């Protein structure tokens, strides 16, 4: 029975013997144990201050006496928050010179610092019989039509500027 398989196995063994070793390296990268190291471009070494590709003006907020005018006004999380006739505008934030007003809380701003588009402040909140503090960062976007608030337990909140009220009684 073993002899019956010998004629089939002999050509296979002969082919396997022909595939002997070679002095030529294999065509795959795994055959080499060394790592490829690229040299850093010379302009990165010649310009450690990154003046070739400037990062832009990264101005730090400077202390200011009050919340800048660009940040003031009525801001809503959703369009209905901007409707003064609605009683359920829970996402409305009204920003004044030293105060932020929310649906069920108020915050007095201190240590206010600002640039044209960024403001930071320490906020002392009160509402629903509780008080708490938080540091917040506000960033104006879209030519002042969007205000991003960071720093609260709620995470990052994005507000849209509400239209100016035309009826002072509203």
Protein backbone atom coordinates (compact mmCIF):
# COMPACT_ATOMS: atom_id res chain seq x y z
CA UNK A 1 0.00 0.00 0.00
CA UNK A 2 2.91 2.37 0.74
CA UNK A 3 4.46 1.55 -2.61
CA UNK A 4 1.33 2.75 -4.33
CA UNK A 5 1.93 6.35 -3.04
CA UNK A 6 5.64 6.46 -3.88
CA UNK A 7 5.19 7.44 -7.57
CA UNK A 8 3.10 10.45 -6.47
CA UNK A 9 5.49 11.55 -3.72
CA UNK A 10 8.73 11.36 -5.76
CA UNK A 11 7.95 14.31 -8.10
CA UNK A 12 6.85 16.41 -5.11
CA UNK A 13 10.08 15.70 -3.27
CA UNK A 14 12.08 16.58 -6.38
CA UNK A 15 10.33 19.95 -6.68
CA UNK A 16 10.93 20.71 -3.01
CA UNK A 17 14.62 19.97 -3.43
CA UNK A 18 14.88 22.46 -6.31
CA UNK A 19 13.78 25.39 -4.15
CA UNK A 20 17.12 25.59 -2.33
CA UNK A 21 18.56 28.60 -0.50
CA UNK A 22 19.69 31.75 -2.26
CA UNK A 23 22.20 34.48 -1.57
CA UNK A 24 19.59 37.06 -2.69
CA UNK A 25 17.49 38.65 0.10
CA UNK A 26 13.79 37.91 0.21
CA UNK A 27 11.35 40.45 -1.22
CA UNK A 28 9.50 41.07 2.02
CA UNK A 29 10.40 43.53 4.78
CA UNK A 30 10.10 40.94 7.52
CA UNK A 31 13.33 39.32 6.32
CA UNK A 32 15.31 42.29 7.65
CA UNK A 33 15.79 42.85 11.35
CA UNK A 34 16.86 46.49 11.13
CA UNK A 35 14.50 49.47 11.44
CA UNK A 36 14.29 52.18 8.82
CA UNK A 37 15.28 55.55 10.24
CA UNK A 38 14.58 58.66 8.21
CA UNK A 39 16.63 61.75 8.76
CA UNK A 40 14.67 64.82 9.85
CA UNK A 41 14.38 67.49 7.15
CA UNK A 42 17.04 70.16 7.56
CA UNK A 43 14.52 73.00 7.89
CA UNK A 44 13.19 71.43 11.10
CA UNK A 45 16.67 71.39 12.55
CA UNK A 46 17.56 74.84 11.24
CA UNK A 47 14.34 76.47 12.52
CA UNK A 48 13.55 75.17 16.02
CA UNK A 49 11.38 78.24 16.75
CA UNK A 50 9.05 77.24 13.89
CA UNK A 51 9.25 80.58 12.12
CA UNK A 52 9.01 78.98 8.66
CA UNK A 53 5.48 77.74 9.37
CA UNK A 54 4.21 79.99 12.18
CA UNK A 55 1.51 78.62 14.45
CA UNK A 56 -0.32 81.92 14.41
CA UNK A 57 -0.96 84.43 17.13
CA UNK A 58 -1.82 82.39 20.18
CA UNK A 59 -2.74 85.27 22.47
CA UNK A 60 -3.46 84.44 26.08
CA UNK A 61 -6.57 85.93 27.70
CA UNK A 62 -5.74 89.12 29.63
CA UNK A 63 -7.60 90.29 32.76
CA UNK A 64 -10.55 92.58 32.06
CA UNK A 65 -12.93 94.47 34.38
CA UNK A 66 -16.14 93.01 32.91
CA UNK A 67 -17.37 90.47 30.41
CA UNK A 68 -16.58 91.91 26.95
CA UNK A 69 -19.49 93.19 24.87
CA UNK A 70 -19.01 90.54 22.17
CA UNK A 71 -19.91 87.81 24.70
CA UNK A 72 -22.96 89.59 26.12
CA UNK A 73 -26.52 88.97 25.10
CA UNK A 74 -28.98 86.12 24.92
CA UNK A 75 -27.70 82.71 23.80
CA UNK A 76 -29.77 79.58 23.17
CA UNK A 77 -28.90 75.91 22.94
CA UNK A 78 -31.85 75.38 20.56
CA UNK A 79 -33.89 77.92 18.55
CA UNK A 80 -36.88 77.74 20.96
CA UNK A 81 -34.64 78.99 23.79
CA UNK A 82 -34.52 82.37 22.04
CA UNK A 83 -38.32 82.82 22.04
CA UNK A 84 -39.09 85.13 25.00
CA UNK A 85 -42.74 84.04 24.98
CA UNK A 86 -41.86 80.43 25.82
CA UNK A 87 -41.74 79.34 29.44
CA UNK A 88 -39.68 76.23 28.66
CA UNK A 89 -36.52 77.92 27.34
CA UNK A 90 -34.27 75.86 29.63
CA UNK A 91 -31.24 76.31 27.38
CA UNK A 92 -31.28 80.11 27.47
CA UNK A 93 -28.17 81.82 28.84
CA UNK A 94 -28.21 85.60 29.26
CA UNK A 95 -24.75 87.13 29.61
CA UNK A 96 -24.40 90.57 31.23
CA UNK A 97 -21.36 92.61 32.33
CA UNK A 98 -20.70 90.54 35.49
CA UNK A 99 -23.56 88.03 35.59
CA UNK A 100 -24.77 84.99 33.66
CA UNK A 101 -28.43 84.01 34.01
CA UNK A 102 -29.74 80.53 33.28
CA UNK A 103 -33.17 78.88 33.55
CA UNK A 104 -32.91 78.06 37.27
CA UNK A 105 -29.56 79.53 38.31
CA UNK A 106 -27.38 82.62 38.24
CA UNK A 107 -23.60 82.98 38.14
CA UNK A 108 -21.46 85.93 39.15
CA UNK A 109 -18.29 86.16 37.07
CA UNK A 110 -14.93 86.96 38.65
CA UNK A 111 -11.31 86.76 37.45
CA UNK A 112 -12.52 87.47 33.93
CA UNK A 113 -9.81 87.37 31.25
CA UNK A 114 -10.35 87.70 27.52
CA UNK A 115 -9.03 88.00 23.99
CA UNK A 116 -11.19 88.93 21.01
CA UNK A 117 -12.60 85.40 20.74
CA UNK A 118 -11.88 83.67 24.07
CA UNK A 119 -12.95 84.48 27.62
CA UNK A 120 -12.21 82.65 30.85
CA UNK A 121 -13.91 83.30 34.18
CA UNK A 122 -14.49 81.89 37.62
CA UNK A 123 -18.25 81.52 38.07
CA UNK A 124 -20.01 81.52 41.46
CA UNK A 125 -23.41 79.89 40.90
CA UNK A 126 -26.56 79.92 42.99
CA UNK A 127 -29.85 78.26 42.21
CA UNK A 128 -32.44 75.87 43.59
CA UNK A 129 -31.12 76.43 47.13
CA UNK A 130 -27.55 75.45 46.27
CA UNK A 131 -24.27 77.23 45.55
CA UNK A 132 -21.25 76.02 43.60
CA UNK A 133 -18.28 77.33 41.65
CA UNK A 134 -16.70 76.43 38.35
CA UNK A 135 -14.04 77.71 36.00
CA UNK A 136 -15.36 78.24 32.50
CA UNK A 137 -13.96 79.01 29.07
CA UNK A 138 -16.09 80.70 26.40
CA UNK A 139 -15.08 80.78 22.73
CA UNK A 140 -16.79 82.87 20.06
CA UNK A 141 -17.08 81.29 16.62
CA UNK A 142 -18.80 82.05 13.30
CA UNK A 143 -18.24 85.81 13.50
CA UNK A 144 -19.75 85.97 17.01
CA UNK A 145 -22.90 84.02 16.19
CA UNK A 146 -21.83 80.89 18.11
CA UNK A 147 -20.57 80.66 21.70
CA UNK A 148 -18.94 77.48 23.00
CA UNK A 149 -18.94 77.06 26.79
CA UNK A 150 -16.51 74.60 28.39
CA UNK A 151 -15.80 73.70 31.97
CA UNK A 152 -19.07 72.63 33.52
CA UNK A 153 -20.32 69.21 34.56
CA UNK A 154 -22.54 69.33 31.47
CA UNK A 155 -19.48 69.14 29.23
CA UNK A 156 -19.07 71.39 26.22
CA UNK A 157 -22.20 73.35 25.28
CA UNK A 158 -22.67 75.22 22.01
CA UNK A 159 -25.01 78.23 22.02
CA UNK A 160 -26.35 80.32 19.15
CA UNK A 161 -26.80 84.07 19.48
CA UNK A 162 -30.46 84.99 19.90
CA UNK A 163 -31.88 87.86 17.84
CA UNK A 164 -32.10 91.17 19.67
CA UNK A 165 -35.42 91.75 21.40
CA UNK A 166 -37.46 94.40 19.64
CA UNK A 167 -40.16 94.67 22.30
CA UNK A 168 -38.68 95.82 25.64
CA UNK A 169 -41.68 94.30 27.48
CA UNK A 170 -40.92 90.83 26.09
